[in-house]
């Protein structure tokens, strides 16, 4: 059964290559199925908007049960003002999906 949530994280090229090498060599992972999707463009626009608002987006939690929302993981720019902040939801326990 597929999990209802996935976490996508931004990692540098070296870490990406190491992950792919391990997954393909040791875990039997394959790659190469493509779908056309507007999701990538939308996420790029979200990342740009967040950066303009004093956030450093580093990943996303994609919830397949709630297909209208993507929750972003971020670091806050030290010079972010209250006026720059977007709507944020505080989690009671942020390390639990």
PDB file of N, CA and C in Angstrom:
ATOM      1  N   UNK A   1       0.836  -1.183   0.000  1.00  0.00           N
ATOM      2  CA  UNK A   1       0.000   0.000   0.000  1.00  0.00           C
ATOM      3  C   UNK A   1       0.877   1.242   0.000  1.00  0.00           C
ATOM      4  N   UNK A   2       0.545   2.202  -0.832  1.00  0.00           N
ATOM      5  CA  UNK A   2       1.300   3.443  -0.922  1.00  0.00           C
ATOM      6  C   UNK A   2       0.895   4.363   0.214  1.00  0.00           C
ATOM      7  N   UNK A   3       1.890   4.992   0.820  1.00  0.00           N
ATOM      8  CA  UNK A   3       1.618   5.967   1.877  1.00  0.00           C
ATOM      9  C   UNK A   3       0.786   7.105   1.307  1.00  0.00           C
ATOM     10  N   UNK A   4       0.015   7.738   2.143  1.00  0.00           N
ATOM     11  CA  UNK A   4      -0.791   8.860   1.692  1.00  0.00           C
ATOM     12  C   UNK A   4      -0.025  10.168   1.665  1.00  0.00           C
ATOM     13  N   UNK A   5       1.217  10.170   2.179  1.00  0.00           N
ATOM     14  CA  UNK A   5       2.029  11.382   2.182  1.00  0.00           C
ATOM     15  C   UNK A   5       3.441  11.068   1.726  1.00  0.00           C
ATOM     16  N   UNK A   6       4.013  12.010   1.009  1.00  0.00           N
ATOM     17  CA  UNK A   6       5.407  11.937   0.609  1.00  0.00           C
ATOM     18  C   UNK A   6       6.099  13.203   1.052  1.00  0.00           C
ATOM     19  N   UNK A   7       7.384  13.095   1.369  1.00  0.00           N
ATOM     20  CA  UNK A   7       8.190  14.264   1.685  1.00  0.00           C
ATOM     21  C   UNK A   7       9.212  14.425   0.576  1.00  0.00           C
ATOM     22  N   UNK A   8       9.232  15.583  -0.051  1.00  0.00           N
ATOM     23  CA  UNK A   8      10.201  15.913  -1.080  1.00  0.00           C
ATOM     24  C   UNK A   8      11.158  16.937  -0.501  1.00  0.00           C
ATOM     25  N   UNK A   9      12.465  16.659  -0.556  1.00  0.00           N
ATOM     26  CA  UNK A   9      13.448  17.578   0.001  1.00  0.00           C
ATOM     27  C   UNK A   9      14.437  17.996  -1.061  1.00  0.00           C
ATOM     28  N   UNK A  10      14.873  19.232  -0.974  1.00  0.00           N
ATOM     29  CA  UNK A  10      15.920  19.731  -1.862  1.00  0.00           C
ATOM     30  C   UNK A  10      17.270  19.302  -1.303  1.00  0.00           C
ATOM     31  N   UNK A  11      18.062  18.623  -2.118  1.00  0.00           N
ATOM     32  CA  UNK A  11      19.413  18.257  -1.721  1.00  0.00           C
ATOM     33  C   UNK A  11      20.347  18.626  -2.857  1.00  0.00           C
ATOM     34  N   UNK A  12      21.629  18.822  -2.539  1.00  0.00           N
ATOM     35  CA  UNK A  12      22.572  19.242  -3.578  1.00  0.00           C
ATOM     36  C   UNK A  12      22.845  18.101  -4.557  1.00  0.00           C
ATOM     37  N   UNK A  13      23.518  18.432  -5.664  1.00  0.00           N
ATOM     38  CA  UNK A  13      23.747  17.458  -6.725  1.00  0.00           C
ATOM     39  C   UNK A  13      24.520  16.240  -6.250  1.00  0.00           C
ATOM     40  N   UNK A  14      25.549  16.443  -5.424  1.00  0.00           N
ATOM     41  CA  UNK A  14      26.340  15.309  -4.951  1.00  0.00           C
ATOM     42  C   UNK A  14      25.484  14.347  -4.130  1.00  0.00           C
ATOM     43  N   UNK A  15      24.679  14.903  -3.205  1.00  0.00           N
ATOM     44  CA  UNK A  15      23.788  14.046  -2.420  1.00  0.00           C
ATOM     45  C   UNK A  15      22.759  13.353  -3.307  1.00  0.00           C
ATOM     46  N   UNK A  16      22.261  14.060  -4.327  1.00  0.00           N
ATOM     47  CA  UNK A  16      21.303  13.458  -5.257  1.00  0.00           C
ATOM     48  C   UNK A  16      21.937  12.286  -5.983  1.00  0.00           C
ATOM     49  N   UNK A  17      23.170  12.486  -6.465  1.00  0.00           N
ATOM     50  CA  UNK A  17      23.860  11.414  -7.182  1.00  0.00           C
ATOM     51  C   UNK A  17      24.121  10.221  -6.270  1.00  0.00           C
ATOM     52  N   UNK A  18      24.534  10.483  -5.038  1.00  0.00           N
ATOM     53  CA  UNK A  18      24.776   9.395  -4.088  1.00  0.00           C
ATOM     54  C   UNK A  18      23.496   8.619  -3.787  1.00  0.00           C
ATOM     55  N   UNK A  19      22.393   9.345  -3.601  1.00  0.00           N
ATOM     56  CA  UNK A  19      21.111   8.689  -3.340  1.00  0.00           C
ATOM     57  C   UNK A  19      20.716   7.804  -4.517  1.00  0.00           C
ATOM     58  N   UNK A  20      20.806   8.358  -5.744  1.00  0.00           N
ATOM     59  CA  UNK A  20      20.433   7.585  -6.925  1.00  0.00           C
ATOM     60  C   UNK A  20      21.330   6.362  -7.094  1.00  0.00           C
ATOM     61  N   UNK A  21      22.622   6.539  -6.902  1.00  0.00           N
ATOM     62  CA  UNK A  21      23.557   5.419  -7.046  1.00  0.00           C
ATOM     63  C   UNK A  21      23.200   4.298  -6.072  1.00  0.00           C
ATOM     64  N   UNK A  22      22.961   4.657  -4.813  1.00  0.00           N
ATOM     65  CA  UNK A  22      22.612   3.657  -3.815  1.00  0.00           C
ATOM     66  C   UNK A  22      21.270   2.998  -4.134  1.00  0.00           C
ATOM     67  N   UNK A  23      20.282   3.799  -4.457  1.00  0.00           N
ATOM     68  CA  UNK A  23      18.941   3.262  -4.717  1.00  0.00           C
ATOM     69  C   UNK A  23      18.942   2.335  -5.930  1.00  0.00           C
ATOM     70  N   UNK A  24      19.649   2.720  -6.985  1.00  0.00           N
ATOM     71  CA  UNK A  24      19.662   1.917  -8.205  1.00  0.00           C
ATOM     72  C   UNK A  24      20.544   0.680  -8.036  1.00  0.00           C
ATOM     73  N   UNK A  25      21.699   0.858  -7.425  1.00  0.00           N
ATOM     74  CA  UNK A  25      22.648  -0.254  -7.279  1.00  0.00           C
ATOM     75  C   UNK A  25      22.236  -1.261  -6.214  1.00  0.00           C
ATOM     76  N   UNK A  26      21.709  -0.779  -5.100  1.00  0.00           N
ATOM     77  CA  UNK A  26      21.477  -1.653  -3.950  1.00  0.00           C
ATOM     78  C   UNK A  26      20.020  -1.960  -3.650  1.00  0.00           C
ATOM     79  N   UNK A  27      19.114  -1.152  -4.127  1.00  0.00           N
ATOM     80  CA  UNK A  27      17.708  -1.312  -3.735  1.00  0.00           C
ATOM     81  C   UNK A  27      16.801  -1.722  -4.886  1.00  0.00           C
ATOM     82  N   UNK A  28      17.373  -1.903  -6.076  1.00  0.00           N
ATOM     83  CA  UNK A  28      16.565  -2.318  -7.222  1.00  0.00           C
ATOM     84  C   UNK A  28      15.645  -1.232  -7.756  1.00  0.00           C
ATOM     85  N   UNK A  29      15.936   0.024  -7.435  1.00  0.00           N
ATOM     86  CA  UNK A  29      15.118   1.142  -7.915  1.00  0.00           C
ATOM     87  C   UNK A  29      15.440   1.403  -9.382  1.00  0.00           C
ATOM     88  N   UNK A  30      14.427   1.698 -10.156  1.00  0.00           N
ATOM     89  CA  UNK A  30      14.591   2.080 -11.555  1.00  0.00           C
ATOM     90  C   UNK A  30      13.994   3.465 -11.742  1.00  0.00           C
ATOM     91  N   UNK A  31      14.341   4.100 -12.846  1.00  0.00           N
ATOM     92  CA  UNK A  31      13.749   5.405 -13.134  1.00  0.00           C
ATOM     93  C   UNK A  31      13.433   5.511 -14.616  1.00  0.00           C
ATOM     94  N   UNK A  32      12.538   6.454 -14.957  1.00  0.00           N
ATOM     95  CA  UNK A  32      12.260   6.664 -16.363  1.00  0.00           C
ATOM     96  C   UNK A  32      10.796   6.781 -16.745  1.00  0.00           C
ATOM     97  N   UNK A  33       9.869   6.760 -15.787  1.00  0.00           N
ATOM     98  CA  UNK A  33       8.457   6.973 -16.120  1.00  0.00           C
ATOM     99  C   UNK A  33       8.163   8.464 -15.976  1.00  0.00           C
ATOM    100  N   UNK A  34       7.683   9.071 -17.047  1.00  0.00           N
ATOM    101  CA  UNK A  34       7.406  10.511 -17.055  1.00  0.00           C
ATOM    102  C   UNK A  34       5.924  10.781 -17.248  1.00  0.00           C
ATOM    103  N   UNK A  35       5.442  11.833 -16.618  1.00  0.00           N
ATOM    104  CA  UNK A  35       4.099  12.352 -16.848  1.00  0.00           C
ATOM    105  C   UNK A  35       4.203  13.856 -17.024  1.00  0.00           C
ATOM    106  N   UNK A  36       3.414  14.388 -17.904  1.00  0.00           N
ATOM    107  CA  UNK A  36       3.327  15.849 -18.008  1.00  0.00           C
ATOM    108  C   UNK A  36       2.495  16.338 -16.838  1.00  0.00           C
ATOM    109  N   UNK A  37       2.983  17.395 -16.170  1.00  0.00           N
ATOM    110  CA  UNK A  37       2.281  17.886 -14.994  1.00  0.00           C
ATOM    111  C   UNK A  37       2.580  19.360 -14.792  1.00  0.00           C
ATOM    112  N   UNK A  38       1.604  20.079 -14.299  1.00  0.00           N
ATOM    113  CA  UNK A  38       1.809  21.482 -13.957  1.00  0.00           C
ATOM    114  C   UNK A  38       2.347  21.618 -12.531  1.00  0.00           C
ATOM    115  N   UNK A  39       2.456  20.507 -11.807  1.00  0.00           N
ATOM    116  CA  UNK A  39       2.898  20.548 -10.416  1.00  0.00           C
ATOM    117  C   UNK A  39       4.273  21.194 -10.285  1.00  0.00           C
ATOM    118  N   UNK A  40       5.203  20.843 -11.162  1.00  0.00           N
ATOM    119  CA  UNK A  40       6.559  21.389 -11.071  1.00  0.00           C
ATOM    120  C   UNK A  40       6.536  22.904 -11.244  1.00  0.00           C
ATOM    121  N   UNK A  41       5.801  23.402 -12.213  1.00  0.00           N
ATOM    122  CA  UNK A  41       5.714  24.854 -12.435  1.00  0.00           C
ATOM    123  C   UNK A  41       5.058  25.542 -11.247  1.00  0.00           C
ATOM    124  N   UNK A  42       4.022  24.939 -10.701  1.00  0.00           N
ATOM    125  CA  UNK A  42       3.349  25.526  -9.541  1.00  0.00           C
ATOM    126  C   UNK A  42       4.284  25.572  -8.332  1.00  0.00           C
ATOM    127  N   UNK A  43       5.034  24.486  -8.109  1.00  0.00           N
ATOM    128  CA  UNK A  43       5.967  24.470  -6.981  1.00  0.00           C
ATOM    129  C   UNK A  43       7.071  25.513  -7.180  1.00  0.00           C
ATOM    130  N   UNK A  44       7.536  25.676  -8.400  1.00  0.00           N
ATOM    131  CA  UNK A  44       8.543  26.697  -8.704  1.00  0.00           C
ATOM    132  C   UNK A  44       8.001  28.087  -8.374  1.00  0.00           C
ATOM    133  N   UNK A  45       6.744  28.340  -8.726  1.00  0.00           N
ATOM    134  CA  UNK A  45       6.108  29.623  -8.408  1.00  0.00           C
ATOM    135  C   UNK A  45       5.949  29.790  -6.894  1.00  0.00           C
ATOM    136  N   UNK A  46       5.560  28.723  -6.195  1.00  0.00           N
ATOM    137  CA  UNK A  46       5.438  28.786  -4.733  1.00  0.00           C
ATOM    138  C   UNK A  46       6.787  29.098  -4.096  1.00  0.00           C
ATOM    139  N   UNK A  47       7.860  28.402  -4.537  1.00  0.00           N
ATOM    140  CA  UNK A  47       9.198  28.635  -3.989  1.00  0.00           C
ATOM    141  C   UNK A  47       9.615  30.086  -4.210  1.00  0.00           C
ATOM    142  N   UNK A  48       9.374  30.615  -5.398  1.00  0.00           N
ATOM    143  CA  UNK A  48       9.735  32.002  -5.709  1.00  0.00           C
ATOM    144  C   UNK A  48       8.983  32.974  -4.808  1.00  0.00           C
ATOM    145  N   UNK A  49       7.684  32.745  -4.619  1.00  0.00           N
ATOM    146  CA  UNK A  49       6.865  33.610  -3.764  1.00  0.00           C
ATOM    147  C   UNK A  49       7.355  33.548  -2.316  1.00  0.00           C
ATOM    148  N   UNK A  50       7.676  32.348  -1.859  1.00  0.00           N
ATOM    149  CA  UNK A  50       8.172  32.201  -0.491  1.00  0.00           C
ATOM    150  C   UNK A  50       9.505  32.936  -0.318  1.00  0.00           C
ATOM    151  N   UNK A  51      10.401  32.792  -1.277  1.00  0.00           N
ATOM    152  CA  UNK A  51      11.704  33.476  -1.198  1.00  0.00           C
ATOM    153  C   UNK A  51      11.516  34.984  -1.123  1.00  0.00           C
ATOM    154  N   UNK A  52      10.569  35.507  -1.898  1.00  0.00           N
ATOM    155  CA  UNK A  52      10.279  36.949  -1.868  1.00  0.00           C
ATOM    156  C   UNK A  52       9.696  37.384  -0.528  1.00  0.00           C
ATOM    157  N   UNK A  53       9.189  36.428   0.250  1.00  0.00           N
ATOM    158  CA  UNK A  53       8.561  36.729   1.537  1.00  0.00           C
ATOM    159  C   UNK A  53       9.439  36.360   2.732  1.00  0.00           C
ATOM    160  N   UNK A  54      10.710  36.130   2.484  1.00  0.00           N
ATOM    161  CA  UNK A  54      11.633  35.889   3.589  1.00  0.00           C
ATOM    162  C   UNK A  54      11.730  34.458   4.074  1.00  0.00           C
ATOM    163  N   UNK A  55      11.441  33.502   3.207  1.00  0.00           N
ATOM    164  CA  UNK A  55      11.551  32.094   3.540  1.00  0.00           C
ATOM    165  C   UNK A  55      12.596  31.439   2.641  1.00  0.00           C
ATOM    166  N   UNK A  56      13.240  30.394   3.148  1.00  0.00           N
ATOM    167  CA  UNK A  56      14.103  29.538   2.348  1.00  0.00           C
ATOM    168  C   UNK A  56      13.417  28.181   2.265  1.00  0.00           C
ATOM    169  N   UNK A  57      12.624  27.921   1.214  1.00  0.00           N
ATOM    170  CA  UNK A  57      11.939  26.634   1.098  1.00  0.00           C
ATOM    171  C   UNK A  57      12.952  25.515   0.873  1.00  0.00           C
ATOM    172  N   UNK A  58      12.799  24.416   1.618  1.00  0.00           N
ATOM    173  CA  UNK A  58      13.731  23.304   1.484  1.00  0.00           C
ATOM    174  C   UNK A  58      13.031  21.993   1.153  1.00  0.00           C
ATOM    175  N   UNK A  59      11.730  21.974   1.169  1.00  0.00           N
ATOM    176  CA  UNK A  59      11.026  20.748   0.843  1.00  0.00           C
ATOM    177  C   UNK A  59       9.533  20.921   0.923  1.00  0.00           C
ATOM    178  N   UNK A  60       8.834  19.819   0.701  1.00  0.00           N
ATOM    179  CA  UNK A  60       7.378  19.857   0.711  1.00  0.00           C
ATOM    180  C   UNK A  60       6.828  18.537   1.217  1.00  0.00           C
ATOM    181  N   UNK A  61       5.700  18.622   1.906  1.00  0.00           N
ATOM    182  CA  UNK A  61       4.931  17.447   2.289  1.00  0.00           C
ATOM    183  C   UNK A  61       3.727  17.420   1.360  1.00  0.00           C
ATOM    184  N   UNK A  62       3.641  16.365   0.573  1.00  0.00           N
ATOM    185  CA  UNK A  62       2.542  16.218  -0.374  1.00  0.00           C
ATOM    186  C   UNK A  62       1.583  15.185   0.201  1.00  0.00           C
ATOM    187  N   UNK A  63       0.368  15.613   0.461  1.00  0.00           N
ATOM    188  CA  UNK A  63      -0.653  14.772   1.080  1.00  0.00           C
ATOM    189  C   UNK A  63      -1.641  14.334   0.003  1.00  0.00           C
ATOM    190  N   UNK A  64      -1.638  13.067  -0.334  1.00  0.00           N
ATOM    191  CA  UNK A  64      -2.507  12.577  -1.391  1.00  0.00           C
ATOM    192  C   UNK A  64      -3.964  12.470  -0.976  1.00  0.00           C
ATOM    193  N   UNK A  65      -4.255  12.560   0.320  1.00  0.00           N
ATOM    194  CA  UNK A  65      -5.643  12.583   0.770  1.00  0.00           C
ATOM    195  C   UNK A  65      -6.245  13.980   0.635  1.00  0.00           C
ATOM    196  N   UNK A  66      -5.400  14.989   0.619  1.00  0.00           N
ATOM    197  CA  UNK A  66      -5.846  16.371   0.476  1.00  0.00           C
ATOM    198  C   UNK A  66      -5.137  16.953  -0.732  1.00  0.00           C
ATOM    199  N   UNK A  67      -5.671  16.703  -1.907  1.00  0.00           N
ATOM    200  CA  UNK A  67      -4.980  17.029  -3.149  1.00  0.00           C
ATOM    201  C   UNK A  67      -4.996  18.509  -3.503  1.00  0.00           C
ATOM    202  N   UNK A  68      -5.529  19.349  -2.652  1.00  0.00           N
ATOM    203  CA  UNK A  68      -5.560  20.781  -2.942  1.00  0.00           C
ATOM    204  C   UNK A  68      -4.462  21.546  -2.231  1.00  0.00           C
ATOM    205  N   UNK A  69      -3.706  20.887  -1.348  1.00  0.00           N
ATOM    206  CA  UNK A  69      -2.698  21.590  -0.561  1.00  0.00           C
ATOM    207  C   UNK A  69      -1.345  20.903  -0.624  1.00  0.00           C
ATOM    208  N   UNK A  70      -0.309  21.732  -0.627  1.00  0.00           N
ATOM    209  CA  UNK A  70       1.065  21.280  -0.455  1.00  0.00           C
ATOM    210  C   UNK A  70       1.613  22.081   0.716  1.00  0.00           C
ATOM    211  N   UNK A  71       2.177  21.395   1.692  1.00  0.00           N
ATOM    212  CA  UNK A  71       2.770  22.077   2.848  1.00  0.00           C
ATOM    213  C   UNK A  71       4.281  22.141   2.639  1.00  0.00           C
ATOM    214  N   UNK A  72       4.860  23.323   2.828  1.00  0.00           N
ATOM    215  CA  UNK A  72       6.289  23.507   2.589  1.00  0.00           C
ATOM    216  C   UNK A  72       7.084  23.548   3.882  1.00  0.00           C
ATOM    217  N   UNK A  73       8.260  22.945   3.836  1.00  0.00           N
ATOM    218  CA  UNK A  73       9.231  23.035   4.915  1.00  0.00           C
ATOM    219  C   UNK A  73      10.163  24.183   4.563  1.00  0.00           C
ATOM    220  N   UNK A  74      10.577  24.942   5.561  1.00  0.00           N
ATOM    221  CA  UNK A  74      11.370  26.129   5.254  1.00  0.00           C
ATOM    222  C   UNK A  74      12.259  26.510   6.418  1.00  0.00           C
ATOM    223  N   UNK A  75      13.226  27.337   6.083  1.00  0.00           N
ATOM    224  CA  UNK A  75      13.983  28.076   7.084  1.00  0.00           C
ATOM    225  C   UNK A  75      13.587  29.532   6.891  1.00  0.00           C
ATOM    226  N   UNK A  76      13.631  30.254   7.977  1.00  0.00           N
ATOM    227  CA  UNK A  76      13.230  31.655   7.941  1.00  0.00           C
ATOM    228  C   UNK A  76      14.450  32.541   7.729  1.00  0.00           C
ATOM    229  N   UNK A  77      14.348  33.523   6.847  1.00  0.00           N
ATOM    230  CA  UNK A  77      15.421  34.500   6.667  1.00  0.00           C
ATOM    231  C   UNK A  77      15.510  35.328   7.938  1.00  0.00           C
ATOM    232  N   UNK A  78      16.725  35.584   8.448  1.00  0.00           N
ATOM    233  CA  UNK A  78      16.848  36.318   9.716  1.00  0.00           C
ATOM    234  C   UNK A  78      16.295  37.745   9.662  1.00  0.00           C
ATOM    235  N   UNK A  79      16.173  38.310   8.466  1.00  0.00           N
ATOM    236  CA  UNK A  79      15.654  39.679   8.332  1.00  0.00           C
ATOM    237  C   UNK A  79      14.186  39.720   7.907  1.00  0.00           C
ATOM    238  N   UNK A  80      13.504  38.589   7.990  1.00  0.00           N
ATOM    239  CA  UNK A  80      12.084  38.563   7.637  1.00  0.00           C
ATOM    240  C   UNK A  80      11.303  39.404   8.636  1.00  0.00           C
ATOM    241  N   UNK A  81      10.411  40.246   8.127  1.00  0.00           N
ATOM    242  CA  UNK A  81       9.561  41.063   8.994  1.00  0.00           C
ATOM    243  C   UNK A  81       8.190  40.408   9.126  1.00  0.00           C
ATOM    244  N   UNK A  82       7.420  40.850  10.119  1.00  0.00           N
ATOM    245  CA  UNK A  82       6.062  40.323  10.286  1.00  0.00           C
ATOM    246  C   UNK A  82       5.206  40.604   9.054  1.00  0.00           C
ATOM    247  N   UNK A  83       5.453  41.727   8.410  1.00  0.00           N
ATOM    248  CA  UNK A  83       4.681  42.089   7.215  1.00  0.00           C
ATOM    249  C   UNK A  83       4.968  41.146   6.050  1.00  0.00           C
ATOM    250  N   UNK A  84       6.131  40.553   6.024  1.00  0.00           N
ATOM    251  CA  UNK A  84       6.516  39.651   4.941  1.00  0.00           C
ATOM    252  C   UNK A  84       5.924  38.250   5.101  1.00  0.00           C
ATOM    253  N   UNK A  85       5.571  37.877   6.323  1.00  0.00           N
ATOM    254  CA  UNK A  85       5.149  36.504   6.595  1.00  0.00           C
ATOM    255  C   UNK A  85       3.867  36.138   5.852  1.00  0.00           C
ATOM    256  N   UNK A  86       3.863  34.908   5.382  1.00  0.00           N
ATOM    257  CA  UNK A  86       2.675  34.339   4.765  1.00  0.00           C
ATOM    258  C   UNK A  86       1.851  33.659   5.850  1.00  0.00           C
ATOM    259  N   UNK A  87       0.700  33.123   5.501  1.00  0.00           N
ATOM    260  CA  UNK A  87      -0.123  32.409   6.471  1.00  0.00           C
ATOM    261  C   UNK A  87       0.632  31.149   6.886  1.00  0.00           C
ATOM    262  N   UNK A  88       0.839  30.998   8.173  1.00  0.00           N
ATOM    263  CA  UNK A  88       1.551  29.834   8.704  1.00  0.00           C
ATOM    264  C   UNK A  88       0.646  29.107   9.687  1.00  0.00           C
ATOM    265  N   UNK A  89       0.733  27.798   9.659  1.00  0.00           N
ATOM    266  CA  UNK A  89      -0.016  26.968  10.589  1.00  0.00           C
ATOM    267  C   UNK A  89       0.977  26.314  11.536  1.00  0.00           C
ATOM    268  N   UNK A  90       0.736  26.458  12.801  1.00  0.00           N
ATOM    269  CA  UNK A  90       1.607  25.847  13.799  1.00  0.00           C
ATOM    270  C   UNK A  90       1.129  24.428  14.090  1.00  0.00           C
ATOM    271  N   UNK A  91       2.064  23.494  14.067  1.00  0.00           N
ATOM    272  CA  UNK A  91       1.746  22.108  14.362  1.00  0.00           C
ATOM    273  C   UNK A  91       1.968  21.844  15.843  1.00  0.00           C
ATOM    274  N   UNK A  92       1.058  21.073  16.416  1.00  0.00           N
ATOM    275  CA  UNK A  92       1.208  20.673  17.822  1.00  0.00           C
ATOM    276  C   UNK A  92       2.445  19.794  17.972  1.00  0.00           C
ATOM    277  N   UNK A  93       2.649  18.901  17.016  1.00  0.00           N
ATOM    278  CA  UNK A  93       3.822  18.026  17.007  1.00  0.00           C
ATOM    279  C   UNK A  93       4.385  18.018  15.589  1.00  0.00           C
ATOM    280  N   UNK A  94       5.299  18.929  15.237  1.00  0.00           N
ATOM    281  CA  UNK A  94       5.733  19.111  13.856  1.00  0.00           C
ATOM    282  C   UNK A  94       6.561  17.967  13.268  1.00  0.00           C
ATOM    283  N   UNK A  95       7.028  17.024  14.081  1.00  0.00           N
ATOM    284  CA  UNK A  95       7.832  15.935  13.517  1.00  0.00           C
ATOM    285  C   UNK A  95       7.013  14.700  13.194  1.00  0.00           C
ATOM    286  N   UNK A  96       5.700  14.771  13.355  1.00  0.00           N
ATOM    287  CA  UNK A  96       4.820  13.657  13.034  1.00  0.00           C
ATOM    288  C   UNK A  96       3.994  14.032  11.798  1.00  0.00           C
ATOM    289  N   UNK A  97       3.967  13.133  10.804  1.00  0.00           N
ATOM    290  CA  UNK A  97       3.135  13.377   9.642  1.00  0.00           C
ATOM    291  C   UNK A  97       1.726  13.098  10.038  1.00  0.00           C
TER     292      UNK A  97
END
